[in-house]
N, C-alpha and C. Protein backbone atom coordinates (compact mmCIF):
# COMPACT_ATOMS: atom_id res chain seq x y z
N ARG A 1 0.83 -1.18 0.00
CA ARG A 1 0.00 0.00 0.00
C ARG A 1 0.87 1.24 0.00
N LEU A 2 0.37 2.25 -0.66
CA LEU A 2 1.07 3.53 -0.69
C LEU A 2 0.71 4.36 0.53
N SER A 3 1.72 4.92 1.14
CA SER A 3 1.43 5.85 2.24
C SER A 3 1.14 7.22 1.65
N ASN A 4 0.72 8.13 2.49
CA ASN A 4 0.43 9.48 2.02
C ASN A 4 1.67 10.22 1.57
N LEU A 5 2.85 9.78 2.01
CA LEU A 5 4.09 10.45 1.65
C LEU A 5 4.60 10.03 0.27
N GLU A 6 4.18 8.87 -0.20
CA GLU A 6 4.64 8.38 -1.50
C GLU A 6 3.70 8.88 -2.59
N PRO A 7 4.24 9.52 -3.61
CA PRO A 7 3.36 10.01 -4.68
C PRO A 7 2.87 8.85 -5.55
N ASP A 8 1.65 8.98 -6.02
CA ASP A 8 1.07 7.97 -6.90
C ASP A 8 1.30 8.40 -8.35
N SER A 9 1.98 7.57 -9.11
CA SER A 9 2.32 7.92 -10.49
C SER A 9 1.42 7.22 -11.51
N THR A 10 0.30 6.67 -11.07
CA THR A 10 -0.59 5.96 -11.98
C THR A 10 -1.14 6.88 -13.06
N GLN A 11 -1.53 8.07 -12.70
CA GLN A 11 -2.07 9.01 -13.69
C GLN A 11 -1.01 9.38 -14.72
N PHE A 12 0.22 9.60 -14.28
CA PHE A 12 1.31 9.92 -15.20
C PHE A 12 1.52 8.81 -16.20
N TRP A 13 1.61 7.55 -15.73
CA TRP A 13 1.84 6.43 -16.63
C TRP A 13 0.64 6.18 -17.53
N GLY A 14 -0.54 6.52 -17.07
CA GLY A 14 -1.72 6.42 -17.94
C GLY A 14 -1.63 7.38 -19.11
N TYR A 15 -1.20 8.62 -18.83
CA TYR A 15 -1.03 9.59 -19.92
C TYR A 15 0.11 9.19 -20.84
N VAL A 16 1.19 8.65 -20.30
CA VAL A 16 2.29 8.18 -21.15
C VAL A 16 1.80 7.08 -22.08
N LEU A 17 1.01 6.16 -21.56
CA LEU A 17 0.47 5.08 -22.38
C LEU A 17 -0.47 5.61 -23.46
N LEU A 18 -1.32 6.56 -23.11
CA LEU A 18 -2.22 7.16 -24.11
C LEU A 18 -1.46 7.89 -25.20
N ILE A 19 -0.45 8.65 -24.84
CA ILE A 19 0.34 9.39 -25.83
C ILE A 19 1.11 8.43 -26.72
N ALA A 20 1.71 7.40 -26.14
CA ALA A 20 2.45 6.41 -26.94
C ALA A 20 1.52 5.69 -27.91
N THR A 21 0.31 5.36 -27.46
CA THR A 21 -0.66 4.70 -28.33
C THR A 21 -1.05 5.61 -29.48
N TYR A 22 -1.28 6.88 -29.19
CA TYR A 22 -1.64 7.84 -30.24
C TYR A 22 -0.52 8.00 -31.25
N VAL A 23 0.72 8.13 -30.78
CA VAL A 23 1.86 8.30 -31.69
C VAL A 23 2.03 7.07 -32.58
N LEU A 24 1.95 5.88 -32.01
CA LEU A 24 2.08 4.66 -32.81
C LEU A 24 0.94 4.54 -33.82
N PHE A 25 -0.26 4.89 -33.42
CA PHE A 25 -1.40 4.83 -34.34
C PHE A 25 -1.18 5.76 -35.53
N VAL A 26 -0.74 6.98 -35.26
CA VAL A 26 -0.50 7.95 -36.34
C VAL A 26 0.62 7.47 -37.26
N LEU A 27 1.70 6.95 -36.70
CA LEU A 27 2.81 6.47 -37.53
C LEU A 27 2.39 5.28 -38.40
N PHE A 28 1.64 4.34 -37.83
CA PHE A 28 1.21 3.19 -38.61
C PHE A 28 0.21 3.59 -39.69
N MET A 29 -0.68 4.50 -39.38
CA MET A 29 -1.63 4.95 -40.41
C MET A 29 -0.91 5.67 -41.54
N TYR A 30 0.13 6.42 -41.22
CA TYR A 30 0.91 7.06 -42.28
C TYR A 30 1.60 6.00 -43.13
N ALA A 31 2.21 5.01 -42.47
CA ALA A 31 2.96 3.99 -43.21
C ALA A 31 2.04 3.11 -44.05
N ILE A 32 0.84 2.83 -43.56
CA ILE A 32 -0.04 1.89 -44.25
C ILE A 32 -0.91 2.58 -45.29
N VAL A 33 -1.45 3.76 -44.98
CA VAL A 33 -2.46 4.39 -45.84
C VAL A 33 -1.95 5.66 -46.51
N VAL A 34 -1.55 6.62 -45.71
CA VAL A 34 -1.27 7.97 -46.23
C VAL A 34 -0.07 7.97 -47.16
N SER A 35 0.99 7.24 -46.82
CA SER A 35 2.19 7.28 -47.65
C SER A 35 1.94 6.76 -49.06
N LYS A 36 0.98 5.88 -49.22
CA LYS A 36 0.68 5.34 -50.55
C LYS A 36 -0.03 6.38 -51.43
N LEU A 37 -0.68 7.35 -50.82
CA LEU A 37 -1.42 8.37 -51.56
C LEU A 37 -0.61 9.64 -51.81
N MET A 38 0.52 9.78 -51.13
CA MET A 38 1.34 10.99 -51.24
C MET A 38 2.23 10.92 -52.48
N PRO A 39 2.59 12.06 -53.07
CA PRO A 39 3.55 12.06 -54.19
C PRO A 39 4.96 11.80 -53.66
N TYR A 40 5.88 11.48 -54.55
CA TYR A 40 7.27 11.28 -54.15
C TYR A 40 7.84 12.59 -53.62
N THR A 41 8.58 12.50 -52.51
CA THR A 41 9.06 13.71 -51.83
C THR A 41 10.52 14.02 -52.12
N GLY A 42 11.29 13.06 -52.56
CA GLY A 42 12.73 13.25 -52.71
C GLY A 42 13.50 12.84 -51.47
N ASN A 43 12.80 12.65 -50.35
CA ASN A 43 13.41 12.15 -49.13
C ASN A 43 13.47 10.63 -49.24
N LYS A 44 14.68 10.06 -49.12
CA LYS A 44 14.82 8.62 -49.38
C LYS A 44 14.04 7.76 -48.37
N TYR A 45 13.91 8.22 -47.13
CA TYR A 45 13.18 7.42 -46.13
C TYR A 45 11.67 7.45 -46.38
N LEU A 46 11.13 8.61 -46.67
CA LEU A 46 9.69 8.70 -46.94
C LEU A 46 9.33 8.00 -48.25
N ASP A 47 10.20 8.10 -49.25
CA ASP A 47 9.94 7.39 -50.51
C ASP A 47 10.08 5.88 -50.33
N TRP A 48 10.98 5.44 -49.44
CA TRP A 48 11.11 4.01 -49.16
C TRP A 48 9.84 3.48 -48.50
N ILE A 49 9.27 4.26 -47.57
CA ILE A 49 8.01 3.85 -46.93
C ILE A 49 6.89 3.81 -47.97
N LYS A 50 6.89 4.75 -48.91
CA LYS A 50 5.85 4.79 -49.95
C LYS A 50 5.92 3.55 -50.84
N GLU A 51 7.12 3.12 -51.20
CA GLU A 51 7.29 1.98 -52.10
C GLU A 51 7.20 0.64 -51.39
N ASP A 52 7.24 0.65 -50.08
CA ASP A 52 7.28 -0.58 -49.30
C ASP A 52 5.94 -1.31 -49.35
N THR A 53 6.01 -2.63 -49.53
CA THR A 53 4.79 -3.44 -49.50
C THR A 53 4.84 -4.51 -48.40
N TYR A 54 5.97 -4.63 -47.71
CA TYR A 54 6.12 -5.69 -46.72
C TYR A 54 6.20 -5.14 -45.30
N TYR A 55 7.16 -4.28 -45.04
CA TYR A 55 7.41 -3.83 -43.67
C TYR A 55 6.32 -2.93 -43.13
N CYS A 56 5.57 -2.26 -43.99
CA CYS A 56 4.50 -1.38 -43.49
C CYS A 56 3.39 -2.20 -42.81
N LEU A 57 3.28 -3.47 -43.15
CA LEU A 57 2.26 -4.32 -42.52
C LEU A 57 2.83 -5.29 -41.50
N LEU A 58 4.14 -5.40 -41.42
CA LEU A 58 4.76 -6.39 -40.54
C LEU A 58 4.47 -6.13 -39.07
N ILE A 59 4.67 -4.91 -38.60
CA ILE A 59 4.47 -4.62 -37.18
C ILE A 59 3.00 -4.67 -36.78
N PRO A 60 2.07 -4.08 -37.55
CA PRO A 60 0.66 -4.21 -37.14
C PRO A 60 0.16 -5.66 -37.10
N VAL A 61 0.56 -6.47 -38.06
CA VAL A 61 0.12 -7.87 -38.07
C VAL A 61 0.78 -8.63 -36.92
N THR A 62 2.05 -8.35 -36.66
CA THR A 62 2.75 -8.98 -35.55
C THR A 62 2.10 -8.61 -34.23
N TRP A 63 1.58 -7.39 -34.11
CA TRP A 63 0.93 -6.96 -32.88
C TRP A 63 -0.29 -7.83 -32.59
N PHE A 64 -1.12 -8.09 -33.60
CA PHE A 64 -2.32 -8.91 -33.38
C PHE A 64 -1.94 -10.34 -32.99
N VAL A 65 -0.93 -10.89 -33.61
CA VAL A 65 -0.49 -12.23 -33.27
C VAL A 65 0.08 -12.25 -31.85
N SER A 66 0.79 -11.21 -31.47
CA SER A 66 1.35 -11.14 -30.11
C SER A 66 0.25 -11.06 -29.07
N VAL A 67 -0.79 -10.28 -29.33
CA VAL A 67 -1.92 -10.20 -28.39
C VAL A 67 -2.57 -11.57 -28.23
N TYR A 68 -2.75 -12.28 -29.32
CA TYR A 68 -3.32 -13.62 -29.29
C TYR A 68 -2.44 -14.56 -28.46
N ALA A 69 -1.13 -14.53 -28.69
CA ALA A 69 -0.21 -15.40 -27.95
C ALA A 69 -0.18 -15.05 -26.47
N VAL A 70 -0.16 -13.78 -26.14
CA VAL A 70 -0.15 -13.37 -24.73
C VAL A 70 -1.44 -13.80 -24.04
N PHE A 71 -2.57 -13.66 -24.72
CA PHE A 71 -3.84 -14.07 -24.12
C PHE A 71 -3.84 -15.56 -23.81
N TRP A 72 -3.41 -16.39 -24.75
CA TRP A 72 -3.44 -17.83 -24.51
C TRP A 72 -2.40 -18.26 -23.49
N ASN A 73 -1.26 -17.59 -23.42
CA ASN A 73 -0.29 -17.89 -22.36
C ASN A 73 -0.86 -17.51 -20.99
N TRP A 74 -1.54 -16.38 -20.92
CA TRP A 74 -2.17 -15.97 -19.67
C TRP A 74 -3.25 -16.98 -19.27
N MET A 75 -4.05 -17.41 -20.24
CA MET A 75 -5.11 -18.38 -19.96
C MET A 75 -4.51 -19.70 -19.47
N GLY A 76 -3.42 -20.14 -20.09
CA GLY A 76 -2.76 -21.36 -19.65
C GLY A 76 -2.23 -21.24 -18.23
N MET A 77 -1.69 -20.07 -17.89
CA MET A 77 -1.20 -19.85 -16.54
C MET A 77 -2.35 -19.91 -15.54
N LYS A 78 -3.49 -19.32 -15.88
CA LYS A 78 -4.65 -19.35 -14.98
C LYS A 78 -5.15 -20.78 -14.79
N PHE A 79 -5.21 -21.56 -15.87
CA PHE A 79 -5.64 -22.95 -15.75
C PHE A 79 -4.67 -23.74 -14.88
N PHE A 80 -3.37 -23.49 -15.04
CA PHE A 80 -2.37 -24.20 -14.26
C PHE A 80 -2.46 -23.84 -12.79
N ARG A 81 -2.63 -22.57 -12.47
CA ARG A 81 -2.66 -22.14 -11.08
C ARG A 81 -3.92 -22.58 -10.36
N HIS A 82 -5.04 -22.65 -11.05
CA HIS A 82 -6.32 -22.95 -10.40
C HIS A 82 -6.78 -24.39 -10.62
N ASN A 83 -5.89 -25.21 -11.08
CA ASN A 83 -6.26 -26.61 -11.31
C ASN A 83 -5.89 -27.45 -10.11
């Protein structure tokens, strides 16, 4: 338990999580959707993202598979502990 002297940082970490989620969402939407509609910029990194057909989908698809794996590992742990 936290005493009155110890500050509670839950609200801070909640905002950090929200901001990180927003930044990742914007970056992935740019890589997956917006970059394909933009003209060539002359910047080699932005043009590489525009021409990319593999890596722009790798992290979002990996995220869904990771959530699935974490859920089933958690479920297995619960079955093991309560059996």
